[in-house]
Structure formats: structure tokens, C-alpha cells
């Protein structure tokens, strides 16, 4: 290859990298992250009504993205069930399913009946706002509505309690 071709390739690579980083920074404003005010969503739930995050204003809230086909989610389900039974009155657990039908989730609940609110993010609009990249993903929101924790992967009941008790003030 000639030096001119190599210089052009390097130039295009640099322009592409700066364009990508510029786009990433410009589009960041639509998403929330740790330290930001939580996005106030309204999603359909199992009983056919809608649930809003603001319905739980002033409470410590746990959002957990899950899927019935997700092996780590299945492994995490008994832990979330134990957490919700022990601490569900203190900390609100909202399970968010992305892309599955109500019937499929109801079937999942026959085996893993976690006492929580189940909502459906069918078009992934809320998942995009929270930068969800997979399942399970868990968010802890404090009493002022600020996202304090974002954890990728399955949690135990003890780990989750350790995360939420810091914000119980």
C-alpha cells in the first residue's frame, strides 16, 4: 500500500471515531444513570391496569429487568422471592419484563411467585431510558427518586438488602 492510501485510511478512521464519540455524547441526555432522577414511566401490569413509578413516590424502589427464558433470571427468582417476602413491605420491588406476553410471565409465576408488581415494557422504551443492556439488571431508587444503584447480573437476597438499606432514611 502506498503511504497516501494509508494516510487516507487513518484519516477516515479518526473522523469515524470522533463522529461516534460525538454522537454518543449528544444522545446521552435522553438516558438516566446512577445519580440521575429516575425516569417516571407508566407501563401495563398483569391485571390490565397501568403502573407508574410515581405511584411509589417517597419509597425505596427496586426495578428488576427479567425474562422467563433467561437462565440467570431463573436462578435469581427464588432470591427475589425471599427478599420480597422478608422486606416487601419496606422496599417496593417492581419486576419489568421486556418483550414477553402476559401469559408467558403468568406461567413463569406459577413456579417463581415473587410477591412484586409485574409490568411490561413491550417496546423497550423504558429499558432505553435506563440503559438496560440485558437481564437481569437491577436498579435501586431512593426516596427522593434518584437512581442510586445499577447492577448487571443476578443478585442474592442478602446482596439486594445490602444495597437498599443504605437508602432507607
Protein backbone atom coordinates (compact mmCIF):
# COMPACT_ATOMS: atom_id res chain seq x y z
CA UNK A 1 0.00 0.00 0.00
CA UNK A 2 1.16 3.46 -0.71
CA UNK A 3 1.68 6.00 2.01
CA UNK A 4 -1.15 8.11 0.59
CA UNK A 5 -3.70 5.28 0.92
CA UNK A 6 -2.58 4.57 4.48
CA UNK A 7 -2.88 8.26 5.40
CA UNK A 8 -6.41 8.38 3.94
CA UNK A 9 -7.42 5.25 5.88
CA UNK A 10 -6.08 6.72 9.13
CA UNK A 11 -7.91 9.99 8.42
CA UNK A 12 -11.23 8.19 7.79
CA UNK A 13 -10.73 6.10 10.93
CA UNK A 14 -10.14 9.22 13.04
CA UNK A 15 -13.16 11.01 11.54
CA UNK A 16 -15.30 7.93 12.25
CA UNK A 17 -14.11 7.69 15.84
CA UNK A 18 -14.76 11.37 16.55
CA UNK A 19 -18.17 11.09 14.91
CA UNK A 20 -19.07 8.07 17.03
CA UNK A 21 -17.93 9.70 20.28
CA UNK A 22 -19.70 12.95 19.40
CA UNK A 23 -22.93 11.10 18.68
CA UNK A 24 -22.60 9.13 21.93
CA UNK A 25 -22.19 12.30 23.96
CA UNK A 26 -25.03 14.09 22.17
CA UNK A 27 -27.51 11.22 22.68
CA UNK A 28 -26.56 10.68 26.35
CA UNK A 29 -29.04 13.33 27.53
CA UNK A 30 -32.06 11.09 26.92
CA UNK A 31 -30.88 8.37 29.28
CA UNK A 32 -30.67 8.10 33.03
CA UNK A 33 -27.86 6.68 35.12
CA UNK A 34 -26.72 6.45 38.72
CA UNK A 35 -27.10 9.87 40.34
CA UNK A 36 -29.88 10.98 37.96
CA UNK A 37 -33.56 11.42 38.72
CA UNK A 38 -35.33 8.19 37.76
CA UNK A 39 -37.42 8.28 34.60
CA UNK A 40 -41.11 8.25 35.58
CA UNK A 41 -42.61 5.52 33.43
CA UNK A 42 -46.15 4.22 33.06
CA UNK A 43 -46.39 0.58 32.00
CA UNK A 44 -49.16 -2.04 31.82
CA UNK A 45 -49.18 -4.64 34.57
CA UNK A 46 -50.54 -8.17 34.99
CA UNK A 47 -54.05 -7.14 35.95
CA UNK A 48 -54.52 -4.94 32.88
CA UNK A 49 -54.16 -1.58 34.59
CA UNK A 50 -51.11 0.68 34.39
CA UNK A 51 -48.41 1.21 36.98
CA UNK A 52 -46.47 4.46 37.25
CA UNK A 53 -43.15 4.79 39.02
CA UNK A 54 -44.58 7.92 40.67
CA UNK A 55 -47.22 5.71 42.36
CA UNK A 56 -44.41 4.81 44.79
CA UNK A 57 -43.06 8.31 45.39
CA UNK A 58 -41.28 8.58 48.73
CA UNK A 59 -40.44 4.85 48.87
CA UNK A 60 -37.21 2.98 48.19
CA UNK A 61 -37.88 1.19 44.90
CA UNK A 62 -36.14 -1.71 43.23
CA UNK A 63 -36.55 -2.14 39.48
CA UNK A 64 -35.54 -5.55 38.15
CA UNK A 65 -35.47 -6.33 34.44
CA UNK A 66 -36.04 -10.04 33.82
CA UNK A 67 -37.13 -12.58 31.21
CA UNK A 68 -38.60 -16.04 31.71
CA UNK A 69 -36.16 -17.58 29.21
CA UNK A 70 -33.11 -16.02 30.91
CA UNK A 71 -31.18 -18.63 32.95
CA UNK A 72 -29.61 -16.08 35.36
CA UNK A 73 -33.11 -14.59 35.88
CA UNK A 74 -34.48 -18.03 36.71
CA UNK A 75 -31.59 -18.56 39.15
CA UNK A 76 -32.27 -15.15 40.71
CA UNK A 77 -36.05 -15.66 41.04
CA UNK A 78 -36.02 -17.58 44.37
CA UNK A 79 -33.70 -14.92 45.83
CA UNK A 80 -36.05 -12.11 44.77
CA UNK A 81 -38.97 -14.09 46.15
CA UNK A 82 -37.20 -14.42 49.51
CA UNK A 83 -36.29 -10.72 49.51
CA UNK A 84 -39.85 -9.65 48.67
CA UNK A 85 -41.33 -11.88 51.38
CA UNK A 86 -38.88 -10.57 54.01
CA UNK A 87 -38.68 -6.90 53.00
CA UNK A 88 -41.51 -6.28 50.52
CA UNK A 89 -43.37 -4.05 52.95
CA UNK A 90 -40.27 -1.88 53.38
CA UNK A 91 -38.93 -1.81 49.82
CA UNK A 92 -41.08 -1.89 46.69
CA UNK A 93 -39.97 -4.48 44.10
CA UNK A 94 -41.09 -3.82 40.53
CA UNK A 95 -40.31 -6.56 38.03
CA UNK A 96 -40.08 -5.31 34.44
CA UNK A 97 -40.42 -7.73 31.57
CA UNK A 98 -39.30 -6.67 28.13
CA UNK A 99 -40.89 -8.34 25.13
CA UNK A 100 -42.79 -11.32 26.55
CA UNK A 101 -46.54 -11.87 26.74
CA UNK A 102 -48.57 -11.73 29.94
CA UNK A 103 -49.40 -15.42 29.54
CA UNK A 104 -45.74 -16.37 29.41
CA UNK A 105 -44.97 -14.34 32.54
CA UNK A 106 -48.01 -15.83 34.33
CA UNK A 107 -46.65 -19.28 33.55
CA UNK A 108 -43.25 -18.23 34.95
CA UNK A 109 -45.03 -17.01 38.11
CA UNK A 110 -46.60 -20.42 38.66
CA UNK A 111 -43.13 -21.61 39.64
CA UNK A 112 -41.49 -18.38 40.87
CA UNK A 113 -44.23 -16.41 42.57
CA UNK A 114 -42.32 -13.39 43.76
CA UNK A 115 -44.72 -11.02 45.56
CA UNK A 116 -43.94 -7.99 43.44
CA UNK A 117 -45.51 -5.69 40.90
CA UNK A 118 -45.03 -7.06 37.35
CA UNK A 119 -45.04 -4.62 34.45
CA UNK A 120 -44.38 -4.95 30.72
CA UNK A 121 -42.00 -2.80 28.68
CA UNK A 122 -43.14 -4.14 25.30
CA UNK A 123 -41.39 -1.59 23.09
CA UNK A 124 -38.27 -1.26 25.33
CA UNK A 125 -38.84 2.49 25.67
CA UNK A 126 -38.19 2.41 29.42
CA UNK A 127 -35.26 -0.01 29.00
CA UNK A 128 -33.62 2.53 26.70
CA UNK A 129 -34.14 5.33 29.21
CA UNK A 130 -32.44 3.23 31.90
CA UNK A 131 -29.63 1.98 29.63
CA UNK A 132 -30.66 -1.65 30.10
CA UNK A 133 -28.39 -3.96 28.13
CA UNK A 134 -29.63 -7.37 29.28
CA UNK A 135 -31.30 -9.35 32.01
CA UNK A 136 -31.24 -9.46 34.91
CA UNK A 137 -30.49 -5.83 35.67
CA UNK A 138 -31.43 -4.16 38.92
CA UNK A 139 -31.82 -0.51 39.86
CA UNK A 140 -32.27 0.93 43.35
CA UNK A 141 -34.09 4.27 43.54
CA UNK A 142 -34.01 6.24 46.79
CA UNK A 143 -36.93 8.04 48.48
CA UNK A 144 -36.16 11.24 46.54
CA UNK A 145 -36.45 9.41 43.21
CA UNK A 146 -32.71 9.31 42.45
CA UNK A 147 -31.11 6.20 40.95
CA UNK A 148 -28.50 5.05 43.49
CA UNK A 149 -27.50 1.60 42.23
CA UNK A 150 -27.37 -0.14 38.84
CA UNK A 151 -26.32 -3.77 38.95
CA UNK A 152 -25.91 -6.14 35.98
CA UNK A 153 -26.44 -9.83 36.73
CA UNK A 154 -28.26 -11.91 39.32
CA UNK A 155 -28.38 -10.86 42.96
CA UNK A 156 -28.95 -12.77 46.17
CA UNK A 157 -31.47 -11.60 48.74
CA UNK A 158 -28.61 -10.58 51.06
CA UNK A 159 -26.84 -8.58 48.33
CA UNK A 160 -30.05 -6.76 47.44
CA UNK A 161 -30.80 -5.97 51.09
CA UNK A 162 -27.25 -4.63 51.48
CA UNK A 163 -27.84 -2.30 48.55
CA UNK A 164 -31.25 -0.95 49.57
CA UNK A 165 -30.76 -0.49 53.32
CA UNK A 166 -28.24 2.30 52.62
CA UNK A 167 -31.07 4.44 51.24
CA UNK A 168 -33.68 3.77 53.92
CA UNK A 169 -33.58 7.19 55.57
